[in-house]
Amino acid sequence: MKISQRTWPIVGLLIALGAGGYYAWQQSKDGDLPEGIARGNGRIEAVEIDVSTKAPGRIKEILVGEGDFVKAGDVLARMDTAQLEAERRQAEAQLQRAIIGVETANSLVTQREAERTSAAAVVAQREAELDAAERTLVRTKQLAANNTTSQQILDNDRAAEQAAKATVAAAQAQQAASDAAISAAKAQVIDAKAAVAAAHAAIESIDADIDDATLKSPRDGRVQYRVAEPGEVLSAGGRVLNLVDLGDVYMTFFLPTAQAGRVAIGTEIRIVLDAAPQYLIPAKASYVAAVAQFTPKTVETEEERLKLMFRIKAQISPELLRKYIQQVKTGLPGVAYVRLDPQAAWPASLQGKLVQ
């Protein structure tokens, strides 16, 4: 069979859409639904979550199997933490050493402050001696001027006054050295306290790694796959389990331009599953694509524009999902019926048993 050039764009569209999407579009054109109602084929989908390791390590145990229902916070698996626990003990030892370092540094500050007090007393003593020597020299000079004392005594008093000045200077230098020693000792205290803070931070970091080694479920859901098994060594970010969030379930389907343009967020949708055609599942449009999912190379005519298909998401309410969580299964095929016109009446086939 030879395919004309005019038919090629339609063939390409059929391949892209797949049999399900094209069937929904074709049925909507057949006119077997009342005006204001459209439909599209799709499958039940849900948000999937990978439970992965934060750090590299060996899987110690996995506590759930495929198909198990889990709740948020449930422990799913544990990684081997022997090395982390050894690192924590080492960090605790470093913390104790740092605490002792703070106590030693504080003792040194106390010692240096005592030395400074002693140096200040020596300075006061030497200044008193200098004052006495200066007074004695003044009197001796007056006596020498009246020739009532010898030159030798004057020279001795002058030397004593100079020696007293020197001892004052030495005592002041010692006091300055004590001040510097106090500053150095206080710096050691700050350094020792920083070491304590660093040790605490190291312990907290290790505790966080140990806590992360216990893999917990982030949401309510069902285990879909066990990607790894106990004993396997995984790199950082290695997948252990795959969960399906049964609180976020929807059906994705496609509608042509004319119909998709009439779908607003919150539009009423009813889903009929192939596995249970007697039930109608209520849903609402939670997403309408802003860009066509399947577009020919050129869109110049009205006929070509009608071939554009837009993705729609029919969201099932979390309350309904929680009520029937044991029956929720992803991958089930079905049909989504959309009420494009709020005033349009549902056909008799869609007025059956509505799941509540």
Protein backbone atom coordinates (compact mmCIF):
# COMPACT_ATOMS: atom_id res chain seq x y z
CA MET A 1 0.00 0.00 0.00
CA LYS A 2 1.39 3.37 -1.00
CA ILE A 3 1.05 6.25 1.44
CA SER A 4 0.63 9.70 -0.09
CA GLN A 5 2.60 12.71 1.11
CA ARG A 6 -0.59 14.19 2.55
CA THR A 7 -1.05 11.07 4.74
CA TRP A 8 2.46 11.08 6.21
CA PRO A 9 1.80 13.78 8.90
CA ILE A 10 -1.22 11.77 10.11
CA VAL A 11 0.83 8.56 10.27
CA GLY A 12 3.53 10.33 12.26
CA LEU A 13 0.88 11.66 14.63
CA LEU A 14 -0.55 8.18 15.15
CA ILE A 15 2.88 6.81 16.03
CA ALA A 16 3.51 9.62 18.53
CA LEU A 17 0.14 9.45 20.21
CA GLY A 18 -0.15 5.68 20.32
CA ALA A 19 -3.28 3.69 19.84
CA GLY A 20 -4.87 4.84 23.10
CA GLY A 21 -4.60 8.60 22.55
CA TYR A 22 -5.68 8.42 18.93
CA TYR A 23 -8.64 6.22 19.83
CA ALA A 24 -9.85 8.82 22.35
CA TRP A 25 -9.57 11.59 19.75
CA GLN A 26 -11.31 9.56 17.08
CA GLN A 27 -14.15 8.57 19.42
CA SER A 28 -14.68 12.19 20.42
CA LYS A 29 -15.11 13.03 16.72
CA ASP A 30 -17.58 10.21 16.14
CA GLY A 31 -20.25 12.07 18.02
CA ASP A 32 -21.31 9.18 20.30
CA LEU A 33 -21.11 11.55 23.26
CA PRO A 34 -23.43 14.52 23.85
CA GLU A 35 -22.21 18.02 23.18
CA GLY A 36 -20.06 19.32 26.03
CA ILE A 37 -18.61 15.89 26.97
CA ALA A 38 -15.23 14.65 25.75
CA ARG A 39 -13.13 11.63 26.54
CA GLY A 40 -9.58 10.35 26.36
CA ASN A 41 -7.85 7.07 27.06
CA GLY A 42 -5.16 6.81 29.72
CA ARG A 43 -3.69 4.82 32.57
CA ILE A 44 -3.74 5.32 36.32
CA GLU A 45 -0.44 6.80 37.44
CA ALA A 46 1.04 7.91 40.75
CA VAL A 47 4.04 9.82 42.01
CA GLU A 48 7.01 7.50 42.44
CA ILE A 49 9.64 8.09 45.13
CA ASP A 50 13.12 6.58 45.22
CA VAL A 51 14.36 5.82 48.74
CA SER A 52 18.12 6.26 48.41
CA THR A 53 21.21 6.41 50.58
CA LYS A 54 22.68 9.78 51.45
CA ALA A 55 26.21 8.47 51.97
CA PRO A 56 28.01 5.44 50.55
CA GLY A 57 27.76 2.27 52.60
CA ARG A 58 26.60 -1.30 52.95
CA ILE A 59 22.94 -2.24 53.39
CA LYS A 60 22.48 -3.93 56.76
CA GLU A 61 18.81 -4.88 56.49
CA ILE A 62 15.64 -4.14 54.53
CA LEU A 63 12.47 -4.37 56.59
CA VAL A 64 9.81 -4.27 53.86
CA GLY A 65 8.96 -6.27 50.77
CA GLU A 66 7.47 -5.42 47.42
CA GLY A 67 3.77 -4.65 47.71
CA ASP A 68 3.89 -3.69 51.39
CA PHE A 69 1.95 -0.60 52.46
CA VAL A 70 3.97 1.87 54.52
CA LYS A 71 3.23 5.09 56.36
CA ALA A 72 5.29 8.25 56.56
CA GLY A 73 8.10 7.77 59.08
CA ASP A 74 8.13 3.96 58.93
CA VAL A 75 11.63 2.48 58.96
CA LEU A 76 12.22 0.79 55.62
CA ALA A 77 15.89 -0.15 55.72
CA ARG A 78 19.09 0.35 57.72
CA MET A 79 22.64 0.88 56.54
CA ASP A 80 25.70 -0.49 58.34
CA THR A 81 26.88 2.22 60.80
CA ALA A 82 29.87 0.46 62.43
CA GLN A 83 32.36 2.91 60.94
CA LEU A 84 30.21 5.92 61.84
CA GLU A 85 29.90 4.71 65.42
CA ALA A 86 33.71 4.36 65.63
CA GLU A 87 34.06 7.90 64.29
CA ARG A 88 31.60 9.09 66.91
CA ARG A 89 33.64 7.54 69.72
CA GLN A 90 36.72 9.25 68.34
CA ALA A 91 34.88 12.57 68.22
CA GLU A 92 33.72 12.09 71.82
CA ALA A 93 37.34 11.52 72.89
CA GLN A 94 38.36 14.70 71.10
CA LEU A 95 35.54 16.51 72.88
CA GLN A 96 36.82 15.38 76.27
CA ARG A 97 40.32 16.48 75.34
CA ALA A 98 39.00 19.86 74.25
CA ILE A 99 37.06 20.27 77.52
CA ILE A 100 40.23 19.54 79.49
CA GLY A 101 42.03 22.06 77.28
CA VAL A 102 39.51 24.72 78.30
CA GLU A 103 40.03 23.96 81.98
CA THR A 104 43.83 24.08 81.55
CA ALA A 105 43.64 27.35 79.67
CA ASN A 106 41.41 28.89 82.36
CA SER A 107 43.89 27.78 85.02
CA LEU A 108 46.69 29.38 83.05
CA VAL A 109 44.73 32.64 82.87
CA THR A 110 44.29 32.55 86.66
CA GLN A 111 48.02 31.95 87.09
CA ARG A 112 48.96 34.79 84.75
CA GLU A 113 46.57 37.16 86.52
CA ALA A 114 48.18 36.28 89.86
CA GLU A 115 51.61 36.97 88.35
CA ARG A 116 50.37 40.32 87.13
CA THR A 117 49.08 41.19 90.60
CA SER A 118 52.51 40.31 91.99
CA ALA A 119 54.21 42.37 89.29
CA ALA A 120 51.96 45.33 90.07
CA ALA A 121 52.91 45.07 93.78
CA VAL A 122 56.60 45.02 92.85
CA VAL A 123 56.10 48.11 90.69
CA ALA A 124 54.43 49.90 93.61
CA GLN A 125 57.28 48.86 95.91
CA ARG A 126 59.95 50.03 93.47
CA GLU A 127 58.14 53.34 92.91
CA ALA A 128 58.06 53.90 96.69
CA GLU A 129 61.80 53.16 96.87
CA LEU A 130 62.40 55.58 93.98
CA ASP A 131 60.39 58.28 95.77
CA ALA A 132 62.45 57.79 98.94
CA ALA A 133 65.71 57.89 96.96
CA GLU A 134 64.68 61.11 95.21
CA ARG A 135 63.76 62.80 98.50
CA THR A 136 67.07 61.71 100.04
CA LEU A 137 69.00 63.08 97.06
CA VAL A 138 67.21 66.42 97.32
CA ARG A 139 68.18 66.78 101.00
CA THR A 140 71.72 65.68 100.32
CA LYS A 141 72.09 68.27 97.58
CA GLN A 142 70.91 71.01 100.00
CA LEU A 143 73.40 69.86 102.62
CA ALA A 144 76.19 69.67 100.06
CA ALA A 145 75.41 73.21 98.97
CA ASN A 146 75.91 74.35 102.60
CA ASN A 147 79.07 72.25 102.89
CA THR A 148 77.49 70.23 105.69
CA THR A 149 77.92 66.86 103.98
CA SER A 150 80.60 65.24 101.93
CA GLN A 151 80.70 64.84 98.18
CA GLN A 152 80.88 61.09 98.67
CA ILE A 153 77.52 60.96 100.36
CA LEU A 154 76.02 63.07 97.56
CA ASP A 155 77.42 60.70 94.96
CA ASN A 156 76.08 57.71 96.82
CA ASP A 157 72.56 59.18 97.09
CA ARG A 158 72.60 60.12 93.40
CA ALA A 159 73.58 56.53 92.49
CA ALA A 160 70.88 55.17 94.76
CA GLU A 161 68.31 57.38 93.01
CA GLN A 162 69.42 56.13 89.57
CA ALA A 163 69.33 52.52 90.75
CA ALA A 164 65.76 53.02 92.06
CA LYS A 165 64.67 54.35 88.65
CA ALA A 166 66.13 51.28 86.98
CA THR A 167 64.34 48.92 89.33
CA VAL A 168 61.04 50.74 88.68
CA ALA A 169 61.55 50.33 84.92
CA ALA A 170 62.34 46.64 85.36
CA ALA A 171 59.24 46.13 87.52
CA GLN A 172 57.05 47.92 84.96
CA ALA A 173 58.49 45.73 82.18
CA GLN A 174 57.64 42.66 84.22
CA GLN A 175 54.09 43.94 84.67
CA ALA A 176 53.76 44.50 80.90
CA ALA A 177 55.01 40.97 80.31
CA SER A 178 52.35 39.70 82.73
CA ASP A 179 49.65 41.61 80.79
CA ALA A 180 50.85 39.99 77.55
CA ALA A 181 50.86 36.56 79.19
CA ILE A 182 47.26 37.09 80.34
CA SER A 183 46.21 37.98 76.79
CA ALA A 184 47.95 34.89 75.44
CA ALA A 185 46.30 32.71 78.07
CA LYS A 186 42.87 34.13 77.25
CA ALA A 187 43.52 33.43 73.57
CA GLN A 188 44.24 29.83 74.53
CA VAL A 189 40.88 29.70 76.31
CA ILE A 190 39.12 30.92 73.17
CA ASP A 191 41.01 28.36 71.07
CA ALA A 192 40.15 25.58 73.52
CA LYS A 193 36.46 26.57 73.51
CA ALA A 194 36.52 26.58 69.71
CA ALA A 195 37.92 23.05 69.83
CA VAL A 196 35.01 22.07 72.10
CA ALA A 197 32.50 23.60 69.67
CA ALA A 198 34.19 21.83 66.75
CA ALA A 199 34.04 18.51 68.60
CA HIS A 200 30.34 19.03 69.35
CA ALA A 201 29.72 19.86 65.69
CA ALA A 202 31.61 16.74 64.60
CA ILE A 203 29.46 14.60 66.90
CA GLU A 204 26.27 16.24 65.61
CA SER A 205 27.38 15.64 62.03
CA ILE A 206 28.10 11.98 62.74
CA ASP A 207 24.76 11.63 64.56
CA ALA A 208 23.04 13.09 61.48
CA ASP A 209 24.84 10.55 59.27
CA ILE A 210 23.83 7.74 61.62
CA ASP A 211 20.23 8.97 61.55
CA ASP A 212 20.35 9.17 57.74
CA ALA A 213 21.56 5.57 57.71
CA THR A 214 18.06 4.63 58.87
CA LEU A 215 15.96 4.96 55.74
CA LYS A 216 12.40 6.05 56.49
CA SER A 217 9.36 6.45 54.31
CA PRO A 218 8.81 10.11 53.37
CA ARG A 219 5.08 9.54 52.66
CA ASP A 220 2.31 7.01 52.90
CA GLY A 221 2.49 4.61 50.00
CA ARG A 222 3.29 1.15 48.74
CA VAL A 223 6.65 -0.47 48.04
CA GLN A 224 6.87 -1.04 44.30
CA TYR A 225 10.43 -2.40 43.90
CA ARG A 226 13.33 -3.54 46.03
CA VAL A 227 16.16 -2.17 43.94
CA ALA A 228 18.95 -3.50 46.18
CA GLU A 229 19.38 -6.26 48.76
CA PRO A 230 21.10 -6.53 52.19
CA GLY A 231 24.86 -6.83 51.94
CA GLU A 232 25.17 -4.74 48.80
CA VAL A 233 27.49 -1.73 48.90
CA LEU A 234 25.96 1.41 47.41
CA SER A 235 27.46 4.72 46.45
CA ALA A 236 26.02 8.02 47.67
CA GLY A 237 22.50 8.34 46.32
CA GLY A 238 22.22 4.61 45.64
CA ARG A 239 18.60 3.46 45.28
CA VAL A 240 17.34 0.92 47.80
CA LEU A 241 13.56 0.99 47.30
CA ASN A 242 10.98 2.52 45.01
CA LEU A 243 7.69 3.70 46.53
CA VAL A 244 4.40 4.72 44.98
CA ASP A 245 2.66 7.63 46.70
CA LEU A 246 -0.94 6.43 46.79
CA GLY A 247 -2.07 9.85 48.00
CA ASP A 248 -1.15 11.43 44.65
CA VAL A 249 -2.86 9.32 41.97
CA TYR A 250 -4.06 10.60 38.62
CA MET A 251 -4.80 9.66 35.01
CA THR A 252 -3.03 11.38 32.14
CA PHE A 253 -4.83 11.59 28.79
CA PHE A 254 -4.84 13.75 25.67
CA LEU A 255 -7.45 15.91 23.96
CA PRO A 256 -7.33 17.76 20.64
CA THR A 257 -7.06 21.54 20.48
CA ALA A 258 -10.76 22.38 20.25
CA GLN A 259 -11.59 20.33 23.35
CA ALA A 260 -8.45 20.99 25.41
CA GLY A 261 -9.04 24.73 25.07
CA ARG A 262 -12.32 24.33 26.99
CA VAL A 263 -10.80 22.43 29.93
CA ALA A 264 -10.11 24.58 32.99
CA ILE A 265 -8.38 23.65 36.23
CA GLY A 266 -11.02 22.01 38.42
CA THR A 267 -13.14 20.77 35.52
CA GLU A 268 -15.21 17.72 36.52
CA ILE A 269 -13.96 14.39 35.18
CA ARG A 270 -15.25 10.85 35.60
CA ILE A 271 -12.89 7.90 35.15
CA VAL A 272 -14.01 4.43 34.07
CA LEU A 273 -11.41 1.69 34.48
CA ASP A 274 -11.35 -1.35 32.20
CA ALA A 275 -10.99 -3.56 35.28
CA ALA A 276 -14.14 -2.17 36.94
CA PRO A 277 -16.38 -0.59 34.29
CA GLN A 278 -19.36 -0.60 36.66
CA TYR A 279 -17.76 2.10 38.85
CA LEU A 280 -17.32 5.80 38.09
CA ILE A 281 -14.33 7.42 39.79
CA PRO A 282 -14.71 11.19 40.31
CA ALA A 283 -11.72 13.39 39.51
CA LYS A 284 -10.87 16.96 38.61
CA ALA A 285 -8.55 18.47 36.03
CA SER A 286 -5.40 19.51 37.89
CA TYR A 287 -3.18 20.24 34.89
CA VAL A 288 -3.70 21.33 31.29
CA ALA A 289 -0.60 21.54 29.12
CA ALA A 290 0.16 25.03 27.84
CA VAL A 291 2.04 23.62 24.85
CA ALA A 292 0.89 20.88 22.46
CA GLN A 293 2.56 17.57 23.16
CA PHE A 294 2.53 16.36 19.54
CA THR A 295 3.05 18.99 16.88
CA PRO A 296 3.60 18.57 13.12
CA LYS A 297 6.61 20.34 11.63
CA THR A 298 4.42 23.09 10.19
CA VAL A 299 1.06 24.30 11.48
CA GLU A 300 -0.40 26.55 8.82
CA THR A 301 -3.94 25.36 8.18
CA GLU A 302 -6.95 24.76 10.40
CA GLU A 303 -6.84 21.08 9.47
CA GLU A 304 -3.30 20.78 10.72
CA ARG A 305 -4.07 22.67 13.95
CA LEU A 306 -6.80 20.17 14.75
CA LYS A 307 -4.13 17.48 14.97
CA LEU A 308 -2.45 19.13 17.97
CA MET A 309 -2.97 17.17 21.19
CA PHE A 310 -2.72 18.60 24.72
CA ARG A 311 -1.98 16.62 27.85
CA ILE A 312 -4.58 16.71 30.64
CA LYS A 313 -4.18 15.35 34.16
CA ALA A 314 -7.24 14.05 36.01
CA GLN A 315 -6.47 14.14 39.74
CA ILE A 316 -8.29 11.81 42.13
CA SER A 317 -8.98 13.36 45.53
CA PRO A 318 -6.63 12.28 48.38
CA GLU A 319 -9.64 11.67 50.67
CA LEU A 320 -11.09 9.13 48.24
CA LEU A 321 -7.70 7.49 47.79
CA ARG A 322 -7.22 7.10 51.54
CA LYS A 323 -10.63 5.45 51.80
CA TYR A 324 -9.84 2.86 49.14
CA ILE A 325 -6.06 2.72 49.50
CA GLN A 326 -5.99 -1.09 49.54
CA GLN A 327 -7.69 -1.16 46.12
CA VAL A 328 -5.57 1.55 44.47
CA LYS A 329 -3.35 0.15 41.73
CA THR A 330 -1.29 2.03 39.19
CA GLY A 331 -1.03 1.09 35.54
CA LEU A 332 -4.72 0.23 35.11
CA PRO A 333 -6.06 1.45 31.75
CA GLY A 334 -9.32 3.30 31.40
CA VAL A 335 -11.18 6.25 29.93
CA ALA A 336 -11.48 9.76 31.32
CA TYR A 337 -14.71 11.61 30.52
CA VAL A 338 -14.54 15.39 30.76
CA ARG A 339 -17.48 17.75 31.15
CA LEU A 340 -16.37 20.64 28.96
CA ASP A 341 -19.63 22.51 29.52
CA PRO A 342 -20.68 22.79 33.21
CA GLN A 343 -24.31 22.85 32.06
CA ALA A 344 -24.01 19.67 30.01
CA ALA A 345 -25.77 16.60 31.40
CA TRP A 346 -23.84 13.39 31.84
CA PRO A 347 -25.08 10.63 29.51
CA ALA A 348 -26.91 7.70 31.06
CA SER A 349 -23.81 5.51 30.76
CA LEU A 350 -21.94 7.91 33.08
CA GLN A 351 -24.66 8.21 35.70
CA GLY A 352 -24.00 4.85 37.31
CA LYS A 353 -22.43 4.11 40.65
CA LEU A 354 -20.17 7.02 41.57
CA VAL A 355 -17.40 5.99 43.95
CA GLN A 356 -17.63 8.05 47.15
